[in-house]
Each structure stands twice: as structure tokens, then as C-alpha cells.
Amino acid sequence: MNTKHLLFLALPLIALSACGGSDNNDTTPPPEPTPEPAQIVMSGKVADGYLVGAKVCLDLNENKLCDDGEPSAISSAGGDFSITDATQEQIDTFPLLVEVTAGVVDEDTGEAITQPYTMTAPVGYEFVSPLTTMVQNEVEQGSEPVSYTHLRAHET
């Protein structure tokens, strides 16, 4: 065979080997990315007289402060709040905390608060008041919180 024929036969083989391909026969698809937990809305009310301008948060580290990064909202007219950056797991695990700072308005009196204070509510509550603060204090001492459903069951 002459060199011309060898070159003619070798060129297609060289071209095919340069096409890429892979010796990797792994047919396992790449892992799916882990989805982020769904964020939901938690709405409720803050009252010691309905409070406007109070910071409401889920106290994730339970230090009795609304820290940066904790799901939070500011209460509006009627004491309404909507926390939009929390997961269901956070809502089911952590108590609500309300920071009432100077300047927050008590709608009952129409006056601004001058002395800051905090209020809390146990896990699962959507209403925060001085009464829920007392309930949360009992929970922290080891008592079980009383739910409305629990009270209704004992009425009959």
C-alpha cells in the first residue's frame, strides 16, 4: 500500500476521534437542587390598645429582641401586621415578639408611647397583647399554653 492510501484511510479515523465523545458511561442525572422552604404570610394583630408602628418578629434565637434577619413586620392601623418572610417551620417553632418603642401610637388614646416595652405570644398565636405576654411567660416557666380550642372542649 502506498502512503497516499494510508493517509486517505487514516484521515477519517483522526476526524472521528477529534469529534469528542466521552468514555464516561455514567447515565446518572445530576442531582436536583434542594428547593428553598416556601415563604408564607403570617398575619395578626398587636394590641395594648391597637398599636401602630410596632415591630413584630418571630424571635428565632429567643433573645427577646427583633434582630436583623428575623422575619418581621411593622404594625399598621388596627394593630394589623403581616410577616411575609417566614417559613412555616419558623412559624410553628418560634414565639412572636413585639417591640413597642417610643413613637408607636396607641390607637385607643391617639398618643405616642413614651416608655418602650416588649410583648410576646406563644408559638401559634396571631394576636399579641399583655395577656399573651403573661401566657408566654408561663410557657417559658414550663406550663402548656391554653388554646381557644382547648377551652371550648372543656365547656361541654
N, C-alpha and C. Protein backbone atom coordinates (compact mmCIF):
# COMPACT_ATOMS: atom_id res chain seq x y z
N MET A 1 0.85 -1.16 0.00
CA MET A 1 0.00 0.00 0.00
C MET A 1 0.90 1.22 0.00
N ASN A 2 0.46 2.16 -0.75
CA ASN A 2 1.31 3.33 -0.76
C ASN A 2 0.87 4.35 0.29
N THR A 3 1.66 5.30 0.50
CA THR A 3 1.46 6.29 1.55
C THR A 3 0.20 7.09 1.31
N LYS A 4 -0.15 7.33 0.07
CA LYS A 4 -1.35 8.09 -0.24
C LYS A 4 -2.59 7.36 0.27
N HIS A 5 -2.64 6.06 0.06
CA HIS A 5 -3.80 5.31 0.51
C HIS A 5 -3.88 5.25 2.04
N LEU A 6 -2.74 5.08 2.68
CA LEU A 6 -2.73 5.07 4.13
C LEU A 6 -3.22 6.39 4.71
N LEU A 7 -2.76 7.47 4.11
CA LEU A 7 -3.19 8.79 4.57
C LEU A 7 -4.69 8.96 4.33
N PHE A 8 -5.17 8.48 3.19
CA PHE A 8 -6.60 8.58 2.88
C PHE A 8 -7.45 7.78 3.87
N LEU A 9 -6.98 6.64 4.33
CA LEU A 9 -7.72 5.84 5.29
C LEU A 9 -7.58 6.38 6.72
N ALA A 10 -6.48 6.99 7.05
CA ALA A 10 -6.24 7.48 8.41
C ALA A 10 -6.99 8.78 8.70
N LEU A 11 -7.22 9.61 7.71
CA LEU A 11 -7.88 10.90 7.93
C LEU A 11 -9.28 10.77 8.54
N PRO A 12 -10.14 9.89 8.03
CA PRO A 12 -11.46 9.78 8.67
C PRO A 12 -11.36 9.31 10.13
N LEU A 13 -10.42 8.42 10.44
CA LEU A 13 -10.26 7.97 11.82
C LEU A 13 -9.82 9.11 12.72
N ILE A 14 -8.92 9.94 12.26
CA ILE A 14 -8.46 11.08 13.04
C ILE A 14 -9.62 12.05 13.25
N ALA A 15 -10.39 12.28 12.19
CA ALA A 15 -11.53 13.21 12.29
C ALA A 15 -12.57 12.70 13.29
N LEU A 16 -12.85 11.40 13.26
CA LEU A 16 -13.83 10.85 14.19
C LEU A 16 -13.34 10.91 15.63
N SER A 17 -12.07 10.68 15.86
CA SER A 17 -11.58 10.71 17.23
C SER A 17 -11.55 12.15 17.76
N ALA A 18 -11.50 13.14 16.93
CA ALA A 18 -11.47 14.54 17.35
C ALA A 18 -12.88 15.07 17.63
N CYS A 19 -13.89 14.30 17.28
CA CYS A 19 -15.26 14.76 17.49
C CYS A 19 -15.65 14.81 18.95
N GLY A 20 -14.83 14.36 19.78
CA GLY A 20 -15.17 14.43 21.20
C GLY A 20 -15.65 13.08 21.65
N GLY A 21 -16.84 13.06 22.20
CA GLY A 21 -17.33 11.82 22.75
C GLY A 21 -16.74 11.64 24.13
N SER A 22 -17.21 10.69 24.80
CA SER A 22 -16.76 10.52 26.17
C SER A 22 -16.69 9.04 26.47
N ASP A 23 -15.69 8.70 27.21
CA ASP A 23 -15.60 7.33 27.66
C ASP A 23 -16.43 7.13 28.91
N ASN A 24 -17.00 8.22 29.45
CA ASN A 24 -17.79 8.17 30.68
C ASN A 24 -19.18 7.64 30.34
N ASN A 25 -19.48 6.47 30.80
CA ASN A 25 -20.78 5.86 30.54
C ASN A 25 -21.75 6.10 31.68
N ASP A 26 -21.48 7.08 32.54
CA ASP A 26 -22.33 7.39 33.68
C ASP A 26 -23.65 7.99 33.18
N THR A 27 -24.72 7.29 33.40
CA THR A 27 -26.03 7.78 32.95
C THR A 27 -26.84 8.39 34.08
N THR A 28 -26.22 8.57 35.26
CA THR A 28 -26.91 9.15 36.40
C THR A 28 -27.09 10.64 36.17
N PRO A 29 -28.33 11.13 36.23
CA PRO A 29 -28.54 12.57 36.03
C PRO A 29 -27.99 13.36 37.22
N PRO A 30 -27.64 14.63 36.99
CA PRO A 30 -27.14 15.43 38.11
C PRO A 30 -28.23 15.58 39.17
N PRO A 31 -27.85 15.75 40.43
CA PRO A 31 -28.87 15.87 41.49
C PRO A 31 -29.68 17.15 41.32
N GLU A 32 -30.94 17.05 41.67
CA GLU A 32 -31.82 18.22 41.62
C GLU A 32 -31.43 19.17 42.74
N PRO A 33 -31.47 20.49 42.49
CA PRO A 33 -31.16 21.41 43.59
C PRO A 33 -32.23 21.32 44.68
N THR A 34 -31.80 21.46 45.91
CA THR A 34 -32.73 21.41 47.04
C THR A 34 -33.55 22.69 47.03
N PRO A 35 -34.88 22.55 47.00
CA PRO A 35 -35.70 23.77 46.96
C PRO A 35 -35.65 24.50 48.30
N GLU A 36 -35.71 25.82 48.24
CA GLU A 36 -35.78 26.63 49.44
C GLU A 36 -37.15 26.43 50.07
N PRO A 37 -37.25 26.48 51.40
CA PRO A 37 -38.56 26.35 52.03
C PRO A 37 -39.48 27.47 51.56
N ALA A 38 -40.72 27.14 51.33
CA ALA A 38 -41.68 28.13 50.85
C ALA A 38 -41.90 29.20 51.92
N GLN A 39 -41.94 30.45 51.47
CA GLN A 39 -42.21 31.54 52.39
C GLN A 39 -43.70 31.83 52.34
N ILE A 40 -44.27 32.04 53.51
CA ILE A 40 -45.71 32.26 53.60
C ILE A 40 -45.97 33.55 54.36
N VAL A 41 -47.22 33.95 54.41
CA VAL A 41 -47.61 35.16 55.12
C VAL A 41 -48.25 34.78 56.44
N MET A 42 -47.80 35.42 57.50
CA MET A 42 -48.41 35.26 58.82
C MET A 42 -48.99 36.62 59.20
N SER A 43 -50.30 36.68 59.33
CA SER A 43 -50.97 37.93 59.67
C SER A 43 -51.55 37.84 61.07
N GLY A 44 -51.65 39.00 61.72
CA GLY A 44 -52.20 39.03 63.05
C GLY A 44 -52.43 40.46 63.51
N LYS A 45 -52.59 40.61 64.84
CA LYS A 45 -52.84 41.92 65.45
C LYS A 45 -52.00 42.09 66.70
N VAL A 46 -51.68 43.36 66.97
CA VAL A 46 -50.94 43.76 68.16
C VAL A 46 -51.82 44.75 68.91
N ALA A 47 -52.05 44.47 70.20
CA ALA A 47 -52.94 45.36 70.95
C ALA A 47 -52.50 45.55 72.39
N ASP A 48 -52.44 46.78 72.76
CA ASP A 48 -52.39 47.24 74.15
C ASP A 48 -53.09 48.59 74.02
N GLY A 49 -54.32 48.53 73.45
CA GLY A 49 -54.88 49.49 72.54
C GLY A 49 -54.20 49.10 71.23
N TYR A 50 -54.90 49.12 70.09
CA TYR A 50 -54.23 48.71 68.86
C TYR A 50 -53.01 49.60 68.65
N LEU A 51 -51.90 48.98 68.32
CA LEU A 51 -50.64 49.70 68.20
C LEU A 51 -50.23 49.86 66.74
N VAL A 52 -49.86 51.08 66.38
CA VAL A 52 -49.42 51.40 65.02
C VAL A 52 -47.94 51.76 65.07
N GLY A 53 -47.15 51.06 64.29
CA GLY A 53 -45.72 51.34 64.19
C GLY A 53 -44.85 50.46 65.06
N ALA A 54 -45.42 49.42 65.66
CA ALA A 54 -44.63 48.49 66.48
C ALA A 54 -43.96 47.45 65.58
N LYS A 55 -42.77 47.03 65.96
CA LYS A 55 -42.07 45.99 65.20
C LYS A 55 -42.46 44.63 65.75
N VAL A 56 -42.95 43.76 64.86
CA VAL A 56 -43.37 42.40 65.22
C VAL A 56 -42.41 41.44 64.53
N CYS A 57 -41.92 40.45 65.27
CA CYS A 57 -41.00 39.49 64.65
C CYS A 57 -41.20 38.10 65.24
N LEU A 58 -40.70 37.12 64.53
CA LEU A 58 -40.54 35.77 65.08
C LEU A 58 -39.17 35.76 65.72
N ASP A 59 -39.11 35.52 67.00
CA ASP A 59 -37.87 35.59 67.77
C ASP A 59 -37.10 34.28 67.59
N LEU A 60 -36.37 34.17 66.48
CA LEU A 60 -35.72 32.91 66.11
C LEU A 60 -34.66 32.46 67.11
N ASN A 61 -33.99 33.39 67.76
CA ASN A 61 -32.98 32.98 68.74
C ASN A 61 -33.49 33.16 70.18
N GLU A 62 -34.76 33.52 70.31
CA GLU A 62 -35.45 33.64 71.60
C GLU A 62 -34.67 34.48 72.61
N ASN A 63 -34.14 35.63 72.12
CA ASN A 63 -33.40 36.54 73.00
C ASN A 63 -34.23 37.77 73.38
N LYS A 64 -35.51 37.75 73.04
CA LYS A 64 -36.43 38.85 73.38
C LYS A 64 -36.09 40.16 72.67
N LEU A 65 -35.48 40.04 71.48
CA LEU A 65 -35.17 41.18 70.63
C LEU A 65 -35.53 40.82 69.19
N CYS A 66 -35.98 41.81 68.43
CA CYS A 66 -36.17 41.61 66.99
C CYS A 66 -34.83 41.92 66.33
N ASP A 67 -34.06 40.88 66.05
CA ASP A 67 -32.74 41.04 65.46
C ASP A 67 -32.82 41.13 63.94
N ASP A 68 -31.78 41.72 63.35
CA ASP A 68 -31.68 41.74 61.89
C ASP A 68 -31.73 40.32 61.38
N GLY A 69 -32.45 40.10 60.30
CA GLY A 69 -32.55 38.78 59.70
C GLY A 69 -33.71 37.95 60.21
N GLU A 70 -34.34 38.35 61.30
CA GLU A 70 -35.52 37.61 61.78
C GLU A 70 -36.74 38.10 61.01
N PRO A 71 -37.63 37.18 60.63
CA PRO A 71 -38.84 37.59 59.90
C PRO A 71 -39.62 38.61 60.72
N SER A 72 -39.95 39.74 60.09
CA SER A 72 -40.59 40.80 60.85
C SER A 72 -41.51 41.65 59.98
N ALA A 73 -42.27 42.50 60.67
CA ALA A 73 -43.17 43.45 60.02
C ALA A 73 -43.41 44.61 60.98
N ILE A 74 -43.99 45.67 60.47
CA ILE A 74 -44.38 46.82 61.28
C ILE A 74 -45.90 46.86 61.31
N SER A 75 -46.47 47.02 62.50
CA SER A 75 -47.93 47.04 62.62
C SER A 75 -48.50 48.32 62.03
N SER A 76 -49.71 48.20 61.50
CA SER A 76 -50.39 49.34 60.88
C SER A 76 -51.70 49.61 61.62
N ALA A 77 -52.57 50.41 61.02
CA ALA A 77 -53.85 50.75 61.63
C ALA A 77 -54.58 49.48 62.08
N GLY A 78 -55.21 49.56 63.23
CA GLY A 78 -55.91 48.41 63.78
C GLY A 78 -54.99 47.38 64.39
N GLY A 79 -53.68 47.71 64.49
CA GLY A 79 -52.71 46.77 65.04
C GLY A 79 -52.36 45.64 64.10
N ASP A 80 -52.78 45.75 62.84
CA ASP A 80 -52.54 44.67 61.86
C ASP A 80 -51.07 44.55 61.50
N PHE A 81 -50.62 43.31 61.32
CA PHE A 81 -49.28 43.07 60.80
C PHE A 81 -49.32 41.85 59.88
N SER A 82 -48.39 41.80 58.95
CA SER A 82 -48.22 40.66 58.05
C SER A 82 -46.73 40.40 57.88
N ILE A 83 -46.28 39.31 58.44
CA ILE A 83 -44.89 38.89 58.26
C ILE A 83 -44.86 38.06 56.98
N THR A 84 -44.06 38.51 56.01
CA THR A 84 -44.06 37.86 54.70
C THR A 84 -42.79 37.07 54.40
N ASP A 85 -41.83 37.10 55.31
CA ASP A 85 -40.55 36.45 55.01
C ASP A 85 -40.24 35.30 55.96
N ALA A 86 -41.27 34.60 56.40
CA ALA A 86 -41.08 33.47 57.32
C ALA A 86 -41.45 32.16 56.63
N THR A 87 -40.88 31.08 57.13
CA THR A 87 -41.27 29.76 56.65
C THR A 87 -42.29 29.17 57.63
N GLN A 88 -43.00 28.16 57.19
CA GLN A 88 -43.97 27.51 58.07
C GLN A 88 -43.26 26.90 59.28
N GLU A 89 -42.08 26.36 59.07
CA GLU A 89 -41.32 25.77 60.18
C GLU A 89 -41.01 26.82 61.25
N GLN A 90 -40.62 28.03 60.82
CA GLN A 90 -40.34 29.10 61.78
C GLN A 90 -41.60 29.50 62.55
N ILE A 91 -42.71 29.61 61.86
CA ILE A 91 -43.97 29.99 62.49
C ILE A 91 -44.39 28.92 63.50
N ASP A 92 -44.15 27.66 63.17
CA ASP A 92 -44.53 26.55 64.04
C ASP A 92 -43.56 26.32 65.20
N THR A 93 -42.44 27.05 65.21
CA THR A 93 -41.39 26.78 66.19
C THR A 93 -41.10 27.94 67.15
N PHE A 94 -41.25 29.17 66.68
CA PHE A 94 -40.78 30.31 67.47
C PHE A 94 -41.90 31.26 67.89
N PRO A 95 -41.76 31.88 69.08
CA PRO A 95 -42.78 32.80 69.56
C PRO A 95 -42.72 34.15 68.83
N LEU A 96 -43.84 34.85 68.88
CA LEU A 96 -43.88 36.22 68.36
C LEU A 96 -43.35 37.17 69.42
N LEU A 97 -42.72 38.21 68.98
CA LEU A 97 -42.23 39.27 69.86
C LEU A 97 -42.62 40.60 69.25
N VAL A 98 -43.04 41.53 70.08
CA VAL A 98 -43.39 42.88 69.62
C VAL A 98 -42.54 43.87 70.40
N GLU A 99 -41.81 44.70 69.66
CA GLU A 99 -41.05 45.78 70.26
C GLU A 99 -41.87 47.06 70.13
N VAL A 100 -42.32 47.58 71.26
CA VAL A 100 -43.09 48.82 71.29
C VAL A 100 -42.11 49.90 71.72
N THR A 101 -41.70 50.72 70.77
CA THR A 101 -40.71 51.75 71.04
C THR A 101 -41.37 53.12 71.14
N ALA A 102 -40.61 54.08 71.66
CA ALA A 102 -41.12 55.44 71.74
C ALA A 102 -41.55 55.89 70.34
N GLY A 103 -42.74 56.46 70.26
CA GLY A 103 -43.26 56.91 68.98
C GLY A 103 -44.34 56.01 68.41
N VAL A 104 -44.41 54.76 68.86
CA VAL A 104 -45.50 53.87 68.45
C VAL A 104 -46.79 54.48 68.98
N VAL A 105 -47.85 54.46 68.16
CA VAL A 105 -49.10 55.10 68.55
C VAL A 105 -50.10 54.08 69.06
N ASP A 106 -50.68 54.37 70.21
CA ASP A 106 -51.77 53.59 70.79
C ASP A 106 -53.07 54.19 70.24
N GLU A 107 -53.78 53.44 69.40
CA GLU A 107 -54.99 53.97 68.78
C GLU A 107 -56.10 54.28 69.77
N ASP A 108 -56.09 53.63 70.94
CA ASP A 108 -57.13 53.93 71.94
C ASP A 108 -57.01 55.37 72.45
N THR A 109 -55.78 55.81 72.63
CA THR A 109 -55.57 57.16 73.16
C THR A 109 -55.17 58.15 72.08
N GLY A 110 -54.68 57.64 70.95
CA GLY A 110 -54.19 58.51 69.88
C GLY A 110 -52.83 59.11 70.20
N GLU A 111 -52.22 58.67 71.28
CA GLU A 111 -50.94 59.23 71.71
C GLU A 111 -49.80 58.27 71.45
N ALA A 112 -48.61 58.87 71.33
CA ALA A 112 -47.40 58.07 71.13
C ALA A 112 -46.91 57.51 72.45
N ILE A 113 -46.40 56.31 72.39
CA ILE A 113 -45.79 55.65 73.56
C ILE A 113 -44.50 56.40 73.90
N THR A 114 -44.26 56.61 75.18
CA THR A 114 -43.03 57.29 75.59
C THR A 114 -42.04 56.34 76.25
N GLN A 115 -42.54 55.27 76.86
CA GLN A 115 -41.67 54.28 77.51
C GLN A 115 -41.70 52.97 76.72
N PRO A 116 -40.56 52.55 76.17
CA PRO A 116 -40.54 51.31 75.39
C PRO A 116 -40.78 50.07 76.25
N TYR A 117 -41.37 49.05 75.62
CA TYR A 117 -41.58 47.76 76.26
C TYR A 117 -41.75 46.69 75.19
N THR A 118 -41.74 45.44 75.59
CA THR A 118 -41.95 44.34 74.65
C THR A 118 -43.14 43.51 75.11
N MET A 119 -43.75 42.85 74.14
CA MET A 119 -44.81 41.88 74.41
C MET A 119 -44.47 40.63 73.60
N THR A 120 -45.00 39.50 74.05
CA THR A 120 -44.75 38.24 73.36
C THR A 120 -46.04 37.43 73.27
N ALA A 121 -45.98 36.40 72.46
CA ALA A 121 -47.09 35.46 72.35
C ALA A 121 -46.51 34.09 72.03
N PRO A 122 -47.11 33.04 72.58
CA PRO A 122 -46.60 31.69 72.33
C PRO A 122 -46.69 31.29 70.85
N VAL A 123 -45.96 30.25 70.53
CA VAL A 123 -45.99 29.68 69.19
C VAL A 123 -47.44 29.39 68.79
N GLY A 124 -47.80 29.79 67.59
CA GLY A 124 -49.14 29.52 67.08
C GLY A 124 -50.13 30.65 67.29
N TYR A 125 -49.82 31.61 68.15
CA TYR A 125 -50.70 32.75 68.37
C TYR A 125 -50.51 33.76 67.25
N GLU A 126 -51.58 34.46 66.89
CA GLU A 126 -51.52 35.51 65.89
C GLU A 126 -51.94 36.86 66.48
N PHE A 127 -52.21 36.87 67.76
CA PHE A 127 -52.61 38.08 68.47
C PHE A 127 -51.63 38.27 69.62
N VAL A 128 -51.07 39.47 69.74
CA VAL A 128 -50.09 39.74 70.78
C VAL A 128 -50.62 40.87 71.65
N SER A 129 -50.62 40.64 72.97
CA SER A 129 -51.15 41.61 73.91
C SER A 129 -50.47 41.40 75.26
N PRO A 130 -50.79 42.25 76.25
CA PRO A 130 -50.24 41.98 77.59
C PRO A 130 -50.67 40.61 78.12
N LEU A 131 -51.87 40.17 77.79
CA LEU A 131 -52.34 38.86 78.25
C LEU A 131 -51.53 37.73 77.62
N THR A 132 -51.26 37.80 76.30
CA THR A 132 -50.47 36.75 75.67
C THR A 132 -49.03 36.76 76.19
N THR A 133 -48.57 37.94 76.62
CA THR A 133 -47.23 38.04 77.21
C THR A 133 -47.20 37.25 78.51
N MET A 134 -48.25 37.35 79.31
CA MET A 134 -48.31 36.56 80.55
C MET A 134 -48.37 35.07 80.23
N VAL A 135 -49.11 34.70 79.20
CA VAL A 135 -49.18 33.29 78.80
C VAL A 135 -47.80 32.81 78.37
N GLN A 136 -47.09 33.60 77.56
CA GLN A 136 -45.75 33.21 77.11
C GLN A 136 -44.80 33.09 78.29
N ASN A 137 -44.93 33.96 79.27
CA ASN A 137 -44.09 33.85 80.47
C ASN A 137 -44.34 32.52 81.17
N GLU A 138 -45.60 32.09 81.23
CA GLU A 138 -45.92 30.78 81.83
C GLU A 138 -45.33 29.64 81.01
N VAL A 139 -45.39 29.76 79.69
CA VAL A 139 -44.80 28.74 78.81
C VAL A 139 -43.31 28.63 79.09
N GLU A 140 -42.64 29.77 79.22
CA GLU A 140 -41.21 29.77 79.49
C GLU A 140 -40.88 29.16 80.85
N GLN A 141 -41.86 29.16 81.76
CA GLN A 141 -41.67 28.55 83.07
C GLN A 141 -42.03 27.07 83.06
N GLY A 142 -42.48 26.56 81.90
CA GLY A 142 -42.76 25.14 81.78
C GLY A 142 -44.22 24.77 81.68
N SER A 143 -45.12 25.73 81.71
CA SER A 143 -46.55 25.43 81.57
C SER A 143 -46.93 25.30 80.11
N GLU A 144 -47.98 24.55 79.85
CA GLU A 144 -48.51 24.42 78.50
C GLU A 144 -49.42 25.60 78.20
N PRO A 145 -49.32 26.21 77.00
CA PRO A 145 -50.24 27.29 76.68
C PRO A 145 -51.65 26.75 76.48
N VAL A 146 -52.64 27.53 76.85
CA VAL A 146 -54.03 27.14 76.68
C VAL A 146 -54.50 27.71 75.36
N SER A 147 -55.07 26.87 74.52
CA SER A 147 -55.59 27.34 73.24
C SER A 147 -57.09 27.54 73.34
N TYR A 148 -57.61 28.31 72.44
CA TYR A 148 -59.04 28.55 72.39
C TYR A 148 -59.78 27.23 72.17
N THR A 149 -59.25 26.39 71.30
CA THR A 149 -59.88 25.09 71.03
C THR A 149 -59.93 24.26 72.32
N HIS A 150 -58.86 24.29 73.09
CA HIS A 150 -58.80 23.55 74.34
C HIS A 150 -59.87 24.06 75.31
N LEU A 151 -60.03 25.35 75.39
CA LEU A 151 -61.04 25.93 76.28
C LEU A 151 -62.45 25.52 75.84
N ARG A 152 -62.70 25.57 74.55
CA ARG A 152 -64.03 25.21 74.02
C ARG A 152 -64.37 23.75 74.32
N ALA A 153 -63.37 22.88 74.28
CA ALA A 153 -63.61 21.46 74.52
C ALA A 153 -64.05 21.21 75.96
N HIS A 154 -63.63 22.04 76.89
CA HIS A 154 -63.98 21.86 78.29
C HIS A 154 -65.31 22.54 78.68
N GLU A 155 -65.90 23.30 77.76
CA GLU A 155 -67.16 23.97 78.06
C GLU A 155 -68.34 23.00 78.03
N THR A 156 -68.22 21.92 77.28
CA THR A 156 -69.36 20.98 77.15
C THR A 156 -69.31 19.86 78.13
